[in-house]
mmCIF file of all heavy atoms, coordinates in Angstrom:
data_MODEL
# 
_entry.id   MODEL 
# 
loop_
_atom_site.group_PDB 
_atom_site.id 
_atom_site.type_symbol 
_atom_site.label_atom_id 
_atom_site.label_alt_id 
_atom_site.label_comp_id 
_atom_site.label_asym_id 
_atom_site.label_entity_id 
_atom_site.label_seq_id 
_atom_site.pdbx_PDB_ins_code 
_atom_site.Cartn_x 
_atom_site.Cartn_y 
_atom_site.Cartn_z 
_atom_site.occupancy 
_atom_site.B_iso_or_equiv 
_atom_site.pdbx_formal_charge 
_atom_site.auth_seq_id 
_atom_site.auth_comp_id 
_atom_site.auth_asym_id 
_atom_site.auth_atom_id 
_atom_site.pdbx_PDB_model_num 
ATOM 1   N N   . THR A 1 1  ? 150.494 72.084 131.827 1.00 0.00 ? 1  THR A N   1 
ATOM 2   C CA  . THR A 1 1  ? 150.446 73.119 130.815 1.00 0.00 ? 1  THR A CA  1 
ATOM 3   C C   . THR A 1 1  ? 150.366 72.455 129.380 1.00 0.00 ? 1  THR A C   1 
ATOM 4   O O   . THR A 1 1  ? 151.167 71.472 129.064 1.00 0.00 ? 1  THR A O   1 
ATOM 5   C CB  . THR A 1 1  ? 151.733 74.010 130.877 1.00 0.00 ? 1  THR A CB  1 
ATOM 6   O OG1 . THR A 1 1  ? 152.904 73.259 130.850 1.00 0.00 ? 1  THR A OG1 1 
ATOM 7   C CG2 . THR A 1 1  ? 151.702 74.852 132.115 1.00 0.00 ? 1  THR A CG2 1 
ATOM 8   N N   . ILE A 1 2  ? 149.471 72.946 128.609 1.00 0.00 ? 2  ILE A N   1 
ATOM 9   C CA  . ILE A 1 2  ? 149.307 72.405 127.215 1.00 0.00 ? 2  ILE A CA  1 
ATOM 10  C C   . ILE A 1 2  ? 149.418 73.590 126.248 1.00 0.00 ? 2  ILE A C   1 
ATOM 11  O O   . ILE A 1 2  ? 148.659 74.596 126.341 1.00 0.00 ? 2  ILE A O   1 
ATOM 12  C CB  . ILE A 1 2  ? 147.967 71.747 126.994 1.00 0.00 ? 2  ILE A CB  1 
ATOM 13  C CG1 . ILE A 1 2  ? 147.801 70.626 128.058 1.00 0.00 ? 2  ILE A CG1 1 
ATOM 14  C CG2 . ILE A 1 2  ? 147.789 71.194 125.608 1.00 0.00 ? 2  ILE A CG2 1 
ATOM 15  C CD1 . ILE A 1 2  ? 146.528 69.903 128.089 1.00 0.00 ? 2  ILE A CD1 1 
ATOM 16  N N   . MET A 1 3  ? 150.268 73.539 125.265 1.00 0.00 ? 3  MET A N   1 
ATOM 17  C CA  . MET A 1 3  ? 150.491 74.596 124.199 1.00 0.00 ? 3  MET A CA  1 
ATOM 18  C C   . MET A 1 3  ? 149.671 74.220 122.988 1.00 0.00 ? 3  MET A C   1 
ATOM 19  O O   . MET A 1 3  ? 149.791 73.081 122.457 1.00 0.00 ? 3  MET A O   1 
ATOM 20  C CB  . MET A 1 3  ? 151.983 74.706 123.911 1.00 0.00 ? 3  MET A CB  1 
ATOM 21  C CG  . MET A 1 3  ? 152.240 75.772 122.816 1.00 0.00 ? 3  MET A CG  1 
ATOM 22  S SD  . MET A 1 3  ? 153.992 75.818 122.347 1.00 0.00 ? 3  MET A SD  1 
ATOM 23  C CE  . MET A 1 3  ? 154.046 74.392 121.224 1.00 0.00 ? 3  MET A CE  1 
ATOM 24  N N   . CYS A 1 4  ? 148.910 75.186 122.553 1.00 0.00 ? 4  CYS A N   1 
ATOM 25  C CA  . CYS A 1 4  ? 148.198 74.999 121.346 1.00 0.00 ? 4  CYS A CA  1 
ATOM 26  C C   . CYS A 1 4  ? 148.804 75.857 120.213 1.00 0.00 ? 4  CYS A C   1 
ATOM 27  O O   . CYS A 1 4  ? 149.054 77.076 120.410 1.00 0.00 ? 4  CYS A O   1 
ATOM 28  C CB  . CYS A 1 4  ? 146.722 75.373 121.437 1.00 0.00 ? 4  CYS A CB  1 
ATOM 29  S SG  . CYS A 1 4  ? 145.794 74.247 122.480 1.00 0.00 ? 4  CYS A SG  1 
ATOM 30  N N   . THR A 1 5  ? 149.036 75.275 119.003 1.00 0.00 ? 5  THR A N   1 
ATOM 31  C CA  . THR A 1 5  ? 149.643 76.092 117.949 1.00 0.00 ? 5  THR A CA  1 
ATOM 32  C C   . THR A 1 5  ? 149.164 75.503 116.563 1.00 0.00 ? 5  THR A C   1 
ATOM 33  O O   . THR A 1 5  ? 148.915 74.432 116.485 1.00 0.00 ? 5  THR A O   1 
ATOM 34  C CB  . THR A 1 5  ? 151.180 76.041 118.051 1.00 0.00 ? 5  THR A CB  1 
ATOM 35  O OG1 . THR A 1 5  ? 151.730 76.679 116.864 1.00 0.00 ? 5  THR A OG1 1 
ATOM 36  C CG2 . THR A 1 5  ? 151.707 74.570 118.059 1.00 0.00 ? 5  THR A CG2 1 
ATOM 37  N N   . GLY A 1 6  ? 149.168 76.469 115.654 1.00 0.00 ? 6  GLY A N   1 
ATOM 38  C CA  . GLY A 1 6  ? 148.822 76.008 114.293 1.00 0.00 ? 6  GLY A CA  1 
ATOM 39  C C   . GLY A 1 6  ? 150.045 75.491 113.532 1.00 0.00 ? 6  GLY A C   1 
ATOM 40  O O   . GLY A 1 6  ? 149.931 75.030 112.436 1.00 0.00 ? 6  GLY A O   1 
ATOM 41  N N   . ASP A 1 7  ? 151.208 75.465 114.221 1.00 0.00 ? 7  ASP A N   1 
ATOM 42  C CA  . ASP A 1 7  ? 152.413 74.997 113.551 1.00 0.00 ? 7  ASP A CA  1 
ATOM 43  C C   . ASP A 1 7  ? 152.348 73.513 113.363 1.00 0.00 ? 7  ASP A C   1 
ATOM 44  O O   . ASP A 1 7  ? 151.558 72.792 114.012 1.00 0.00 ? 7  ASP A O   1 
ATOM 45  C CB  . ASP A 1 7  ? 153.615 75.319 114.429 1.00 0.00 ? 7  ASP A CB  1 
ATOM 46  C CG  . ASP A 1 7  ? 153.972 76.822 114.455 1.00 0.00 ? 7  ASP A CG  1 
ATOM 47  O OD1 . ASP A 1 7  ? 153.624 77.471 113.428 1.00 0.00 ? 7  ASP A OD1 1 
ATOM 48  O OD2 . ASP A 1 7  ? 154.536 77.328 115.440 1.00 0.00 ? 7  ASP A OD2 1 
ATOM 49  N N   . ASN A 1 8  ? 153.254 72.999 112.444 1.00 0.00 ? 8  ASN A N   1 
ATOM 50  C CA  . ASN A 1 8  ? 153.302 71.483 112.181 1.00 0.00 ? 8  ASN A CA  1 
ATOM 51  C C   . ASN A 1 8  ? 153.842 70.894 113.445 1.00 0.00 ? 8  ASN A C   1 
ATOM 52  O O   . ASN A 1 8  ? 154.518 71.516 114.333 1.00 0.00 ? 8  ASN A O   1 
ATOM 53  C CB  . ASN A 1 8  ? 154.094 71.238 110.965 1.00 0.00 ? 8  ASN A CB  1 
ATOM 54  C CG  . ASN A 1 8  ? 155.543 71.620 111.124 1.00 0.00 ? 8  ASN A CG  1 
ATOM 55  O OD1 . ASN A 1 8  ? 156.250 71.186 111.960 1.00 0.00 ? 8  ASN A OD1 1 
ATOM 56  N ND2 . ASN A 1 8  ? 155.992 72.616 110.262 1.00 0.00 ? 8  ASN A ND2 1 
ATOM 57  N N   . PRO A 1 9  ? 153.628 69.510 113.567 1.00 0.00 ? 9  PRO A N   1 
ATOM 58  C CA  . PRO A 1 9  ? 154.079 68.794 114.829 1.00 0.00 ? 9  PRO A CA  1 
ATOM 59  C C   . PRO A 1 9  ? 155.551 69.014 115.170 1.00 0.00 ? 9  PRO A C   1 
ATOM 60  O O   . PRO A 1 9  ? 155.923 69.073 116.295 1.00 0.00 ? 9  PRO A O   1 
ATOM 61  C CB  . PRO A 1 9  ? 153.820 67.305 114.489 1.00 0.00 ? 9  PRO A CB  1 
ATOM 62  C CG  . PRO A 1 9  ? 152.640 67.454 113.523 1.00 0.00 ? 9  PRO A CG  1 
ATOM 63  C CD  . PRO A 1 9  ? 152.952 68.667 112.712 1.00 0.00 ? 9  PRO A CD  1 
ATOM 64  N N   . LEU A 1 10 ? 156.427 69.049 114.132 1.00 0.00 ? 10 LEU A N   1 
ATOM 65  C CA  . LEU A 1 10 ? 157.926 69.169 114.367 1.00 0.00 ? 10 LEU A CA  1 
ATOM 66  C C   . LEU A 1 10 ? 158.234 70.544 115.011 1.00 0.00 ? 10 LEU A C   1 
ATOM 67  O O   . LEU A 1 10 ? 158.977 70.551 115.963 1.00 0.00 ? 10 LEU A O   1 
ATOM 68  C CB  . LEU A 1 10 ? 158.685 68.999 113.050 1.00 0.00 ? 10 LEU A CB  1 
ATOM 69  C CG  . LEU A 1 10 ? 160.126 68.620 113.206 1.00 0.00 ? 10 LEU A CG  1 
ATOM 70  C CD1 . LEU A 1 10 ? 160.380 67.379 114.146 1.00 0.00 ? 10 LEU A CD1 1 
ATOM 71  C CD2 . LEU A 1 10 ? 160.744 68.306 111.847 1.00 0.00 ? 10 LEU A CD2 1 
ATOM 72  N N   . THR A 1 11 ? 157.664 71.543 114.440 1.00 0.00 ? 11 THR A N   1 
ATOM 73  C CA  . THR A 1 11 ? 157.893 72.916 115.005 1.00 0.00 ? 11 THR A CA  1 
ATOM 74  C C   . THR A 1 11 ? 157.309 73.046 116.358 1.00 0.00 ? 11 THR A C   1 
ATOM 75  O O   . THR A 1 11 ? 157.974 73.605 117.291 1.00 0.00 ? 11 THR A O   1 
ATOM 76  C CB  . THR A 1 11 ? 157.290 73.983 114.065 1.00 0.00 ? 11 THR A CB  1 
ATOM 77  O OG1 . THR A 1 11 ? 157.832 73.944 112.727 1.00 0.00 ? 11 THR A OG1 1 
ATOM 78  C CG2 . THR A 1 11 ? 157.449 75.473 114.597 1.00 0.00 ? 11 THR A CG2 1 
ATOM 79  N N   . ALA A 1 12 ? 156.115 72.523 116.528 1.00 0.00 ? 12 ALA A N   1 
ATOM 80  C CA  . ALA A 1 12 ? 155.408 72.545 117.835 1.00 0.00 ? 12 ALA A CA  1 
ATOM 81  C C   . ALA A 1 12 ? 156.278 71.826 118.911 1.00 0.00 ? 12 ALA A C   1 
ATOM 82  O O   . ALA A 1 12 ? 156.384 72.242 119.993 1.00 0.00 ? 12 ALA A O   1 
ATOM 83  C CB  . ALA A 1 12 ? 154.032 72.001 117.688 1.00 0.00 ? 12 ALA A CB  1 
ATOM 84  N N   . ALA A 1 13 ? 156.817 70.691 118.531 1.00 0.00 ? 13 ALA A N   1 
ATOM 85  C CA  . ALA A 1 13 ? 157.624 69.899 119.449 1.00 0.00 ? 13 ALA A CA  1 
ATOM 86  C C   . ALA A 1 13 ? 158.859 70.651 119.882 1.00 0.00 ? 13 ALA A C   1 
ATOM 87  O O   . ALA A 1 13 ? 159.222 70.558 121.049 1.00 0.00 ? 13 ALA A O   1 
ATOM 88  C CB  . ALA A 1 13 ? 157.985 68.545 118.854 1.00 0.00 ? 13 ALA A CB  1 
ATOM 89  N N   . THR A 1 14 ? 159.470 71.366 118.907 1.00 0.00 ? 14 THR A N   1 
ATOM 90  C CA  . THR A 1 14 ? 160.669 72.079 119.198 1.00 0.00 ? 14 THR A CA  1 
ATOM 91  C C   . THR A 1 14 ? 160.423 73.216 120.199 1.00 0.00 ? 14 THR A C   1 
ATOM 92  O O   . THR A 1 14 ? 161.112 73.413 121.168 1.00 0.00 ? 14 THR A O   1 
ATOM 93  C CB  . THR A 1 14 ? 161.351 72.674 117.905 1.00 0.00 ? 14 THR A CB  1 
ATOM 94  O OG1 . THR A 1 14 ? 161.569 71.528 116.981 1.00 0.00 ? 14 THR A OG1 1 
ATOM 95  C CG2 . THR A 1 14 ? 162.542 73.385 118.160 1.00 0.00 ? 14 THR A CG2 1 
ATOM 96  N N   . ILE A 1 15 ? 159.359 73.935 119.942 1.00 0.00 ? 15 ILE A N   1 
ATOM 97  C CA  . ILE A 1 15 ? 158.966 75.123 120.805 1.00 0.00 ? 15 ILE A CA  1 
ATOM 98  C C   . ILE A 1 15 ? 158.596 74.561 122.146 1.00 0.00 ? 15 ILE A C   1 
ATOM 99  O O   . ILE A 1 15 ? 158.932 75.197 123.150 1.00 0.00 ? 15 ILE A O   1 
ATOM 100 C CB  . ILE A 1 15 ? 157.871 75.916 120.101 1.00 0.00 ? 15 ILE A CB  1 
ATOM 101 C CG1 . ILE A 1 15 ? 158.262 76.617 118.828 1.00 0.00 ? 15 ILE A CG1 1 
ATOM 102 C CG2 . ILE A 1 15 ? 157.354 76.972 121.059 1.00 0.00 ? 15 ILE A CG2 1 
ATOM 103 C CD1 . ILE A 1 15 ? 159.327 77.661 118.959 1.00 0.00 ? 15 ILE A CD1 1 
ATOM 104 N N   . ALA A 1 16 ? 157.790 73.514 122.151 1.00 0.00 ? 16 ALA A N   1 
ATOM 105 C CA  . ALA A 1 16 ? 157.378 72.961 123.434 1.00 0.00 ? 16 ALA A CA  1 
ATOM 106 C C   . ALA A 1 16 ? 158.549 72.526 124.313 1.00 0.00 ? 16 ALA A C   1 
ATOM 107 O O   . ALA A 1 16 ? 158.569 72.734 125.482 1.00 0.00 ? 16 ALA A O   1 
ATOM 108 C CB  . ALA A 1 16 ? 156.421 71.757 123.233 1.00 0.00 ? 16 ALA A CB  1 
ATOM 109 N N   . ARG A 1 17 ? 159.498 71.856 123.681 1.00 0.00 ? 17 ARG A N   1 
ATOM 110 C CA  . ARG A 1 17 ? 160.738 71.452 124.415 1.00 0.00 ? 17 ARG A CA  1 
ATOM 111 C C   . ARG A 1 17 ? 161.497 72.619 124.900 1.00 0.00 ? 17 ARG A C   1 
ATOM 112 O O   . ARG A 1 17 ? 161.989 72.584 126.116 1.00 0.00 ? 17 ARG A O   1 
ATOM 113 C CB  . ARG A 1 17 ? 161.533 70.569 123.438 1.00 0.00 ? 17 ARG A CB  1 
ATOM 114 C CG  . ARG A 1 17 ? 162.760 69.924 124.126 1.00 0.00 ? 17 ARG A CG  1 
ATOM 115 C CD  . ARG A 1 17 ? 163.393 68.886 123.235 1.00 0.00 ? 17 ARG A CD  1 
ATOM 116 N NE  . ARG A 1 17 ? 163.810 69.462 121.943 1.00 0.00 ? 17 ARG A NE  1 
ATOM 117 C CZ  . ARG A 1 17 ? 163.210 69.126 120.835 1.00 0.00 ? 17 ARG A CZ  1 
ATOM 118 N NH1 . ARG A 1 17 ? 162.126 68.332 120.843 1.00 0.00 ? 17 ARG A NH1 1 
ATOM 119 N NH2 . ARG A 1 17 ? 163.665 69.706 119.702 1.00 0.00 ? 17 ARG A NH2 1 
ATOM 120 N N   . GLU A 1 18 ? 161.633 73.643 124.060 1.00 0.00 ? 18 GLU A N   1 
ATOM 121 C CA  . GLU A 1 18 ? 162.424 74.784 124.480 1.00 0.00 ? 18 GLU A CA  1 
ATOM 122 C C   . GLU A 1 18 ? 161.716 75.567 125.607 1.00 0.00 ? 18 GLU A C   1 
ATOM 123 O O   . GLU A 1 18 ? 162.379 76.111 126.566 1.00 0.00 ? 18 GLU A O   1 
ATOM 124 C CB  . GLU A 1 18 ? 162.616 75.741 123.259 1.00 0.00 ? 18 GLU A CB  1 
ATOM 125 C CG  . GLU A 1 18 ? 163.534 76.927 123.549 1.00 0.00 ? 18 GLU A CG  1 
ATOM 126 C CD  . GLU A 1 18 ? 163.645 77.842 122.350 1.00 0.00 ? 18 GLU A CD  1 
ATOM 127 O OE1 . GLU A 1 18 ? 163.408 77.382 121.193 1.00 0.00 ? 18 GLU A OE1 1 
ATOM 128 O OE2 . GLU A 1 18 ? 164.153 78.976 122.529 1.00 0.00 ? 18 GLU A OE2 1 
ATOM 129 N N   . ALA A 1 19 ? 160.366 75.668 125.495 1.00 0.00 ? 19 ALA A N   1 
ATOM 130 C CA  . ALA A 1 19 ? 159.662 76.401 126.532 1.00 0.00 ? 19 ALA A CA  1 
ATOM 131 C C   . ALA A 1 19 ? 159.461 75.664 127.826 1.00 0.00 ? 19 ALA A C   1 
ATOM 132 O O   . ALA A 1 19 ? 159.245 76.225 128.896 1.00 0.00 ? 19 ALA A O   1 
ATOM 133 C CB  . ALA A 1 19 ? 158.265 76.815 125.980 1.00 0.00 ? 19 ALA A CB  1 
ATOM 134 N N   . GLY A 1 20 ? 159.415 74.322 127.691 1.00 0.00 ? 20 GLY A N   1 
ATOM 135 C CA  . GLY A 1 20 ? 159.211 73.434 128.888 1.00 0.00 ? 20 GLY A CA  1 
ATOM 136 C C   . GLY A 1 20 ? 157.827 73.216 129.250 1.00 0.00 ? 20 GLY A C   1 
ATOM 137 O O   . GLY A 1 20 ? 157.455 72.927 130.510 1.00 0.00 ? 20 GLY A O   1 
ATOM 138 N N   . VAL A 1 21 ? 156.905 73.188 128.309 1.00 0.00 ? 21 VAL A N   1 
ATOM 139 C CA  . VAL A 1 21 ? 155.462 72.857 128.531 1.00 0.00 ? 21 VAL A CA  1 
ATOM 140 C C   . VAL A 1 21 ? 155.282 71.334 128.654 1.00 0.00 ? 21 VAL A C   1 
ATOM 141 O O   . VAL A 1 21 ? 156.161 70.576 128.123 1.00 0.00 ? 21 VAL A O   1 
ATOM 142 C CB  . VAL A 1 21 ? 154.477 73.408 127.447 1.00 0.00 ? 21 VAL A CB  1 
ATOM 143 C CG1 . VAL A 1 21 ? 154.520 74.913 127.457 1.00 0.00 ? 21 VAL A CG1 1 
ATOM 144 C CG2 . VAL A 1 21 ? 154.873 72.912 126.117 1.00 0.00 ? 21 VAL A CG2 1 
ATOM 145 N N   . ASP A 1 22 ? 154.269 70.898 129.310 1.00 0.00 ? 22 ASP A N   1 
ATOM 146 C CA  . ASP A 1 22 ? 154.083 69.479 129.519 1.00 0.00 ? 22 ASP A CA  1 
ATOM 147 C C   . ASP A 1 22 ? 153.554 68.723 128.284 1.00 0.00 ? 22 ASP A C   1 
ATOM 148 O O   . ASP A 1 22 ? 153.848 67.568 128.080 1.00 0.00 ? 22 ASP A O   1 
ATOM 149 C CB  . ASP A 1 22 ? 153.060 69.232 130.672 1.00 0.00 ? 22 ASP A CB  1 
ATOM 150 C CG  . ASP A 1 22 ? 153.587 69.787 131.938 1.00 0.00 ? 22 ASP A CG  1 
ATOM 151 O OD1 . ASP A 1 22 ? 154.812 69.612 132.236 1.00 0.00 ? 22 ASP A OD1 1 
ATOM 152 O OD2 . ASP A 1 22 ? 152.835 70.466 132.672 1.00 0.00 ? 22 ASP A OD2 1 
ATOM 153 N N   . ASP A 1 23 ? 152.719 69.424 127.464 1.00 0.00 ? 23 ASP A N   1 
ATOM 154 C CA  . ASP A 1 23 ? 152.125 68.763 126.306 1.00 0.00 ? 23 ASP A CA  1 
ATOM 155 C C   . ASP A 1 23 ? 151.850 69.856 125.260 1.00 0.00 ? 23 ASP A C   1 
ATOM 156 O O   . ASP A 1 23 ? 151.917 71.052 125.530 1.00 0.00 ? 23 ASP A O   1 
ATOM 157 C CB  . ASP A 1 23 ? 150.798 68.058 126.730 1.00 0.00 ? 23 ASP A CB  1 
ATOM 158 C CG  . ASP A 1 23 ? 150.378 67.025 125.728 1.00 0.00 ? 23 ASP A CG  1 
ATOM 159 O OD1 . ASP A 1 23 ? 151.075 66.836 124.652 1.00 0.00 ? 23 ASP A OD1 1 
ATOM 160 O OD2 . ASP A 1 23 ? 149.290 66.370 125.884 1.00 0.00 ? 23 ASP A OD2 1 
ATOM 161 N N   . PHE A 1 24 ? 151.538 69.394 124.020 1.00 0.00 ? 24 PHE A N   1 
ATOM 162 C CA  . PHE A 1 24 ? 151.216 70.384 123.050 1.00 0.00 ? 24 PHE A CA  1 
ATOM 163 C C   . PHE A 1 24 ? 150.245 69.761 122.010 1.00 0.00 ? 24 PHE A C   1 
ATOM 164 O O   . PHE A 1 24 ? 150.092 68.603 121.887 1.00 0.00 ? 24 PHE A O   1 
ATOM 165 C CB  . PHE A 1 24 ? 152.520 70.869 122.249 1.00 0.00 ? 24 PHE A CB  1 
ATOM 166 C CG  . PHE A 1 24 ? 153.158 69.833 121.536 1.00 0.00 ? 24 PHE A CG  1 
ATOM 167 C CD1 . PHE A 1 24 ? 152.825 69.528 120.114 1.00 0.00 ? 24 PHE A CD1 1 
ATOM 168 C CD2 . PHE A 1 24 ? 154.157 69.001 122.093 1.00 0.00 ? 24 PHE A CD2 1 
ATOM 169 C CE1 . PHE A 1 24 ? 153.413 68.536 119.362 1.00 0.00 ? 24 PHE A CE1 1 
ATOM 170 C CE2 . PHE A 1 24 ? 154.819 67.974 121.291 1.00 0.00 ? 24 PHE A CE2 1 
ATOM 171 C CZ  . PHE A 1 24 ? 154.468 67.771 120.011 1.00 0.00 ? 24 PHE A CZ  1 
ATOM 172 N N   . ILE A 1 25 ? 149.551 70.642 121.359 1.00 0.00 ? 25 ILE A N   1 
ATOM 173 C CA  . ILE A 1 25 ? 148.580 70.251 120.205 1.00 0.00 ? 25 ILE A CA  1 
ATOM 174 C C   . ILE A 1 25 ? 149.100 71.027 119.002 1.00 0.00 ? 25 ILE A C   1 
ATOM 175 O O   . ILE A 1 25 ? 149.016 72.277 118.934 1.00 0.00 ? 25 ILE A O   1 
ATOM 176 C CB  . ILE A 1 25 ? 147.180 70.597 120.575 1.00 0.00 ? 25 ILE A CB  1 
ATOM 177 C CG1 . ILE A 1 25 ? 146.729 69.791 121.795 1.00 0.00 ? 25 ILE A CG1 1 
ATOM 178 C CG2 . ILE A 1 25 ? 146.264 70.214 119.427 1.00 0.00 ? 25 ILE A CG2 1 
ATOM 179 C CD1 . ILE A 1 25 ? 145.359 70.128 122.290 1.00 0.00 ? 25 ILE A CD1 1 
# 
């Protein structure tokens, strides 16, 4: 699973960690 978001890397990393996705952009 890869999450794509327009958020900055820090916000994206926090959401990705909380949601449990494998990677994010």
